[in-house]
Amino acid sequence: MVALAHRPQGFGLIAWVQNTLETIRATRARYAAFSRAYAELNQMGDDELAEYGLHRSDLVDMAWRQVDARG
């Protein structure tokens, strides 16, 4: 019988579950950052958006760009 302690890291079910959970956490954090950025942009009025040359349809792309820029 092979002990789990002797297995290389990064292989097996435990590593897969850990990687999957980390991916889920990172995805949820990224979406939460998007939601905050979108809510902030969505508070701007149409006139204020127009001053910046933006339309409401641009807000989703702008929010994702803000999330990506923060890294």
C-alpha atoms as a PDB file:
ATOM      1  CA  MET A   1       0.000   0.000   0.000  1.00  0.00           C
ATOM      2  CA  VAL A   2       1.353   3.451  -0.938  1.00  0.00           C
ATOM      3  CA  ALA A   3       1.108   6.165   1.696  1.00  0.00           C
ATOM      4  CA  LEU A   4      -0.238   9.520   0.562  1.00  0.00           C
ATOM      5  CA  ALA A   5       2.709  11.304   2.166  1.00  0.00           C
ATOM      6  CA  HIS A   6       5.046   9.746  -0.422  1.00  0.00           C
ATOM      7  CA  ARG A   7       3.090  10.926  -3.440  1.00  0.00           C
ATOM      8  CA  PRO A   8       4.431  13.905  -5.369  1.00  0.00           C
ATOM      9  CA  GLN A   9       2.487  17.080  -4.752  1.00  0.00           C
ATOM     10  CA  GLY A  10       0.143  18.174  -7.500  1.00  0.00           C
ATOM     11  CA  PHE A  11      -1.172  14.690  -8.268  1.00  0.00           C
ATOM     12  CA  GLY A  12      -4.169  12.761  -7.127  1.00  0.00           C
ATOM     13  CA  LEU A  13      -7.622  13.474  -5.882  1.00  0.00           C
ATOM     14  CA  ILE A  14      -6.608  15.703  -2.965  1.00  0.00           C
ATOM     15  CA  ALA A  15      -4.599  18.022  -5.197  1.00  0.00           C
ATOM     16  CA  TRP A  16      -7.425  18.129  -7.721  1.00  0.00           C
ATOM     17  CA  VAL A  17      -9.946  19.083  -5.034  1.00  0.00           C
ATOM     18  CA  GLN A  18      -7.603  21.750  -3.641  1.00  0.00           C
ATOM     19  CA  ASN A  19      -7.027  23.204  -7.110  1.00  0.00           C
ATOM     20  CA  THR A  20     -10.740  23.165  -7.855  1.00  0.00           C
ATOM     21  CA  LEU A  21     -11.588  24.937  -4.592  1.00  0.00           C
ATOM     22  CA  GLU A  22      -8.895  27.554  -5.209  1.00  0.00           C
ATOM     23  CA  THR A  23     -10.260  28.172  -8.714  1.00  0.00           C
ATOM     24  CA  ILE A  24     -13.774  28.590  -7.301  1.00  0.00           C
ATOM     25  CA  ARG A  25     -12.518  31.039  -4.652  1.00  0.00           C
ATOM     26  CA  ALA A  26     -10.604  33.075  -7.223  1.00  0.00           C
ATOM     27  CA  THR A  27     -13.583  33.156  -9.592  1.00  0.00           C
ATOM     28  CA  ARG A  28     -15.943  34.282  -6.831  1.00  0.00           C
ATOM     29  CA  ALA A  29     -13.497  37.010  -5.738  1.00  0.00           C
ATOM     30  CA  ARG A  30     -13.126  38.219  -9.317  1.00  0.00           C
ATOM     31  CA  TYR A  31     -16.901  38.325  -9.812  1.00  0.00           C
ATOM     32  CA  ALA A  32     -17.359  40.175  -6.510  1.00  0.00           C
ATOM     33  CA  ALA A  33     -14.827  42.786  -7.693  1.00  0.00           C
ATOM     34  CA  PHE A  34     -16.740  43.067 -10.981  1.00  0.00           C
ATOM     35  CA  SER A  35     -20.028  43.540  -9.128  1.00  0.00           C
ATOM     36  CA  ARG A  36     -18.565  46.351  -7.012  1.00  0.00           C
ATOM     37  CA  ALA A  37     -17.053  48.079 -10.049  1.00  0.00           C
ATOM     38  CA  TYR A  38     -20.275  47.758 -12.046  1.00  0.00           C
ATOM     39  CA  ALA A  39     -22.394  49.092  -9.171  1.00  0.00           C
ATOM     40  CA  GLU A  40     -20.075  52.088  -8.851  1.00  0.00           C
ATOM     41  CA  LEU A  41     -20.235  52.848 -12.574  1.00  0.00           C
ATOM     42  CA  ASN A  42     -23.988  52.256 -12.703  1.00  0.00           C
ATOM     43  CA  GLN A  43     -24.525  55.015 -10.134  1.00  0.00           C
ATOM     44  CA  MET A  44     -23.415  57.564 -12.708  1.00  0.00           C
ATOM     45  CA  GLY A  45     -26.194  59.373 -14.549  1.00  0.00           C
ATOM     46  CA  ASP A  46     -26.556  59.336 -18.315  1.00  0.00           C
ATOM     47  CA  ASP A  47     -25.316  62.932 -18.552  1.00  0.00           C
ATOM     48  CA  GLU A  48     -22.256  62.131 -16.471  1.00  0.00           C
ATOM     49  CA  LEU A  49     -21.499  59.080 -18.624  1.00  0.00           C
ATOM     50  CA  ALA A  50     -21.878  61.186 -21.767  1.00  0.00           C
ATOM     51  CA  GLU A  51     -19.282  63.643 -20.415  1.00  0.00           C
ATOM     52  CA  TYR A  52     -16.783  60.775 -20.506  1.00  0.00           C
ATOM     53  CA  GLY A  53     -17.957  59.611 -23.910  1.00  0.00           C
ATOM     54  CA  LEU A  54     -19.605  56.527 -22.437  1.00  0.00           C
ATOM     55  CA  HIS A  55     -22.988  54.925 -22.809  1.00  0.00           C
ATOM     56  CA  ARG A  56     -24.687  52.634 -20.332  1.00  0.00           C
ATOM     57  CA  SER A  57     -24.002  49.703 -22.673  1.00  0.00           C
ATOM     58  CA  ASP A  58     -20.261  50.261 -22.086  1.00  0.00           C
ATOM     59  CA  LEU A  59     -20.455  49.656 -18.335  1.00  0.00           C
ATOM     60  CA  VAL A  60     -19.990  45.878 -18.361  1.00  0.00           C
ATOM     61  CA  ASP A  61     -16.792  46.130 -20.417  1.00  0.00           C
ATOM     62  CA  MET A  62     -15.536  49.021 -18.289  1.00  0.00           C
ATOM     63  CA  ALA A  63     -16.162  47.098 -15.070  1.00  0.00           C
ATOM     64  CA  TRP A  64     -14.272  44.030 -16.333  1.00  0.00           C
ATOM     65  CA  ARG A  65     -11.393  46.239 -17.490  1.00  0.00           C
ATOM     66  CA  GLN A  66     -11.236  47.784 -14.027  1.00  0.00           C
ATOM     67  CA  VAL A  67     -11.117  44.306 -12.442  1.00  0.00           C
ATOM     68  CA  ASP A  68      -8.405  43.162 -14.866  1.00  0.00           C
ATOM     69  CA  ALA A  69      -6.342  46.300 -14.290  1.00  0.00           C
ATOM     70  CA  ARG A  70      -6.323  45.710 -10.538  1.00  0.00           C
ATOM     71  CA  GLY A  71      -5.125  42.213 -11.227  1.00  0.00           C
END
